[in-house]
C-alpha cells in the first residue's frame, strides 16, 4: 500500500495480518522525509482503521511500535 505522509513523501508500506489473531500491523520501510531526515524502518500495531470508499482510501491509527 502507498503511505502518504503530511510532508508530501509517499512510501510503499505493507499491511500485515497476524495468522492466529488476525490483528493488523503496518510495516514501514526506511525512508527520507522531504527535509532529508532518515527515518528507520519500523513495524507498528494498527489500533483503528477507517475506510473512505469515495476516495479509495484507508486511514490507519497506529498503536505500539513493535520494532
C-alpha atoms as a PDB file:
ATOM      1  CA  UNK A   1       0.000   0.000   0.000  1.00  0.00           C
ATOM      2  CA  UNK A   2       1.108   3.568  -0.587  1.00  0.00           C
ATOM      3  CA  UNK A   3       1.601   5.582   2.605  1.00  0.00           C
ATOM      4  CA  UNK A   4       1.224   9.350   2.192  1.00  0.00           C
ATOM      5  CA  UNK A   5       2.850  11.459   4.896  1.00  0.00           C
ATOM      6  CA  UNK A   6       1.947  15.047   5.718  1.00  0.00           C
ATOM      7  CA  UNK A   7       5.255  16.358   4.284  1.00  0.00           C
ATOM      8  CA  UNK A   8       4.299  15.076   0.821  1.00  0.00           C
ATOM      9  CA  UNK A   9       6.506  11.949   0.852  1.00  0.00           C
ATOM     10  CA  UNK A  10       4.910   8.703  -0.360  1.00  0.00           C
ATOM     11  CA  UNK A  11       6.345   5.319   0.693  1.00  0.00           C
ATOM     12  CA  UNK A  12       5.381   1.727  -0.126  1.00  0.00           C
ATOM     13  CA  UNK A  13       4.279   0.066   3.138  1.00  0.00           C
ATOM     14  CA  UNK A  14       2.805  -3.336   3.888  1.00  0.00           C
ATOM     15  CA  UNK A  15      -0.292  -4.119   5.931  1.00  0.00           C
ATOM     16  CA  UNK A  16       0.298  -7.379   7.823  1.00  0.00           C
ATOM     17  CA  UNK A  17      -2.269  -9.710   9.396  1.00  0.00           C
ATOM     18  CA  UNK A  18      -1.451 -11.985  12.331  1.00  0.00           C
ATOM     19  CA  UNK A  19      -2.009 -15.615  11.306  1.00  0.00           C
ATOM     20  CA  UNK A  20      -3.513 -16.676  14.614  1.00  0.00           C
ATOM     21  CA  UNK A  21      -5.021 -13.469  15.976  1.00  0.00           C
ATOM     22  CA  UNK A  22      -6.000 -11.620  12.808  1.00  0.00           C
ATOM     23  CA  UNK A  23      -4.650  -8.396  14.315  1.00  0.00           C
ATOM     24  CA  UNK A  24      -3.214  -5.846  11.888  1.00  0.00           C
ATOM     25  CA  UNK A  25       0.251  -4.315  11.798  1.00  0.00           C
ATOM     26  CA  UNK A  26       1.860  -1.828   9.430  1.00  0.00           C
ATOM     27  CA  UNK A  27       5.414  -2.365   8.153  1.00  0.00           C
ATOM     28  CA  UNK A  28       7.072   0.857   7.016  1.00  0.00           C
ATOM     29  CA  UNK A  29      10.465   0.688   5.259  1.00  0.00           C
ATOM     30  CA  UNK A  30      13.248   3.170   5.952  1.00  0.00           C
ATOM     31  CA  UNK A  31      12.689   6.427   4.046  1.00  0.00           C
ATOM     32  CA  UNK A  32      13.782  10.069   3.855  1.00  0.00           C
ATOM     33  CA  UNK A  33      11.445  12.909   4.761  1.00  0.00           C
ATOM     34  CA  UNK A  34      11.024  15.926   2.496  1.00  0.00           C
ATOM     35  CA  UNK A  35      13.695  17.721   4.559  1.00  0.00           C
ATOM     36  CA  UNK A  36      16.151  14.821   4.155  1.00  0.00           C
ATOM     37  CA  UNK A  37      15.826  13.250   7.627  1.00  0.00           C
ATOM     38  CA  UNK A  38      16.310   9.457   7.547  1.00  0.00           C
ATOM     39  CA  UNK A  39      13.527   7.537   9.290  1.00  0.00           C
ATOM     40  CA  UNK A  40      14.355   3.919  10.222  1.00  0.00           C
ATOM     41  CA  UNK A  41      12.164   1.004   9.145  1.00  0.00           C
ATOM     42  CA  UNK A  42       9.541   0.018  11.714  1.00  0.00           C
ATOM     43  CA  UNK A  43       6.505  -2.172  12.330  1.00  0.00           C
ATOM     44  CA  UNK A  44       3.532  -0.684  14.199  1.00  0.00           C
ATOM     45  CA  UNK A  45       0.350  -2.243  15.560  1.00  0.00           C
ATOM     46  CA  UNK A  46      -2.850  -0.891  13.990  1.00  0.00           C
ATOM     47  CA  UNK A  47      -5.362   0.225  16.607  1.00  0.00           C
ATOM     48  CA  UNK A  48      -8.063   1.561  14.284  1.00  0.00           C
ATOM     49  CA  UNK A  49      -8.944   1.698  10.589  1.00  0.00           C
ATOM     50  CA  UNK A  50     -11.396   3.859   8.682  1.00  0.00           C
ATOM     51  CA  UNK A  51     -12.345   3.402   5.029  1.00  0.00           C
ATOM     52  CA  UNK A  52     -13.261   6.187   2.602  1.00  0.00           C
ATOM     53  CA  UNK A  53     -14.637   4.340  -0.433  1.00  0.00           C
ATOM     54  CA  UNK A  54     -15.238   7.563  -2.398  1.00  0.00           C
ATOM     55  CA  UNK A  55     -11.503   8.318  -2.375  1.00  0.00           C
ATOM     56  CA  UNK A  56     -10.380   4.647  -2.345  1.00  0.00           C
ATOM     57  CA  UNK A  57      -8.518   5.439   0.859  1.00  0.00           C
ATOM     58  CA  UNK A  58      -7.836   3.671   4.159  1.00  0.00           C
ATOM     59  CA  UNK A  59      -6.931   5.744   7.224  1.00  0.00           C
ATOM     60  CA  UNK A  60      -4.934   3.927   9.888  1.00  0.00           C
ATOM     61  CA  UNK A  61      -4.389   4.886  13.528  1.00  0.00           C
ATOM     62  CA  UNK A  62      -1.148   3.402  14.767  1.00  0.00           C
ATOM     63  CA  UNK A  63      -0.669   1.825  18.152  1.00  0.00           C
ATOM     64  CA  UNK A  64       2.513   0.469  19.700  1.00  0.00           C
ATOM     65  CA  UNK A  65       5.790   0.285  17.786  1.00  0.00           C
ATOM     66  CA  UNK A  66       6.910  -3.337  17.550  1.00  0.00           C
ATOM     67  CA  UNK A  67      10.356  -2.840  16.016  1.00  0.00           C
END
